[in-house]
Amino acid sequence: MKIVAWMFWLLVFAALLLFAVRNTAPVTVRFYLDTTWEGPLVLALLAFFALGVACGVLACIARMLRQRREIVGLKRELRARAAERMSRPPEAAA
């Protein structure tokens, strides 16, 4: 199974490498206030992809932190219940 996974990632890498080699034509990106940047199309695509990933990660951080706080609280409650159960005397068997 690992060989199949390695072959898959090798094919993905080869496809991306060929895509990068085929898209080296210069492109002009125009920003506000007549600011421009010229560079290979692949670098522009990579930069905007990375910017999108960064925005997605930043959007998820608040929810992730909230979930971590909730998990810590639930673990604390679970430990308190376990300590309470251990300190309680055993009930008499009927």
Protein backbone atom coordinates (compact mmCIF):
# COMPACT_ATOMS: atom_id res chain seq x y z
CA MET A 1 0.00 0.00 0.00
CA LYS A 2 2.89 2.35 0.72
CA ILE A 3 4.23 1.76 -2.78
CA VAL A 4 0.89 2.82 -4.26
CA ALA A 5 0.89 5.97 -2.13
CA TRP A 6 4.46 6.80 -3.16
CA MET A 7 3.58 6.26 -6.81
CA PHE A 8 0.56 8.55 -6.46
CA TRP A 9 2.62 11.36 -4.90
CA LEU A 10 5.34 10.86 -7.50
CA LEU A 11 2.76 11.30 -10.26
CA VAL A 12 1.34 14.41 -8.56
CA PHE A 13 4.85 15.85 -8.25
CA ALA A 14 5.61 15.09 -11.90
CA ALA A 15 2.35 16.71 -13.03
CA LEU A 16 3.05 19.84 -10.98
CA LEU A 17 6.64 19.99 -12.22
CA LEU A 18 5.49 19.74 -15.85
CA PHE A 19 2.86 22.42 -15.16
CA ALA A 20 5.56 24.70 -13.75
CA VAL A 21 7.89 24.11 -16.69
CA ARG A 22 5.12 24.81 -19.22
CA ASN A 23 4.01 28.07 -17.52
CA THR A 24 7.17 30.13 -17.30
CA ALA A 25 5.90 32.93 -19.54
CA PRO A 26 6.13 36.38 -17.98
CA VAL A 27 2.98 37.83 -16.52
CA THR A 28 2.25 41.32 -15.22
CA VAL A 29 0.23 41.60 -12.03
CA ARG A 30 -1.27 45.05 -11.55
CA PHE A 31 -1.95 46.24 -8.00
CA TYR A 32 -3.54 49.45 -6.77
CA LEU A 33 -1.93 52.86 -7.35
CA ASP A 34 -0.33 51.72 -10.63
CA THR A 35 1.99 49.29 -8.87
CA THR A 36 2.97 46.34 -11.06
CA TRP A 37 4.97 43.18 -10.67
CA GLU A 38 6.37 41.10 -13.51
CA GLY A 39 7.41 37.52 -13.07
CA PRO A 40 6.79 33.98 -14.23
CA LEU A 41 3.17 32.81 -14.23
CA VAL A 42 4.07 29.87 -12.00
CA LEU A 43 5.38 32.18 -9.26
CA ALA A 44 2.23 34.29 -9.41
CA LEU A 45 0.03 31.18 -9.14
CA LEU A 46 2.13 29.80 -6.29
CA ALA A 47 2.03 33.11 -4.42
CA PHE A 48 -1.75 33.41 -4.69
CA PHE A 49 -2.23 29.75 -3.73
CA ALA A 50 -0.06 30.27 -0.65
CA LEU A 51 -2.00 33.43 0.20
CA GLY A 52 -5.27 31.48 -0.04
CA VAL A 53 -3.94 28.72 2.21
CA ALA A 54 -2.78 31.29 4.77
CA CYS A 55 -6.22 32.98 4.75
CA GLY A 56 -7.90 29.60 5.23
CA VAL A 57 -5.67 28.70 8.16
CA LEU A 58 -6.25 32.08 9.79
CA ALA A 59 -10.00 31.63 9.39
CA CYS A 60 -9.84 28.28 11.24
CA ILE A 61 -7.67 29.40 14.16
CA ALA A 62 -10.51 30.89 16.26
CA ARG A 63 -12.60 27.71 16.06
CA MET A 64 -9.57 25.53 16.79
CA LEU A 65 -8.65 27.53 19.90
CA ARG A 66 -12.26 27.42 21.13
CA GLN A 67 -12.32 23.63 20.69
CA ARG A 68 -9.02 23.22 22.54
CA ARG A 69 -10.35 25.25 25.49
CA GLU A 70 -13.47 23.08 25.55
CA ILE A 71 -11.39 19.89 25.46
CA VAL A 72 -9.24 21.10 28.37
CA GLY A 73 -12.39 21.90 30.37
CA LEU A 74 -13.91 18.50 29.64
CA LYS A 75 -10.70 16.71 30.63
CA ARG A 76 -10.62 18.70 33.88
CA GLU A 77 -14.26 17.76 34.57
CA LEU A 78 -13.53 14.10 33.80
CA ARG A 79 -10.58 14.08 36.20
CA ALA A 80 -12.71 15.71 38.92
CA ARG A 81 -15.44 13.10 38.48
CA ALA A 82 -12.89 10.27 38.59
CA ALA A 83 -11.34 11.71 41.79
CA GLU A 84 -14.82 12.06 43.32
CA ARG A 85 -15.65 8.46 42.44
CA MET A 86 -12.39 7.23 43.97
CA SER A 87 -12.93 9.17 47.22
CA ARG A 88 -16.51 7.97 47.67
CA PRO A 89 -16.83 4.87 49.91
CA PRO A 90 -17.94 1.72 48.07
CA GLU A 91 -21.61 0.88 48.34
CA ALA A 92 -22.58 -2.25 50.22
CA ALA A 93 -23.37 -5.19 47.97
CA ALA A 94 -26.95 -6.39 48.25
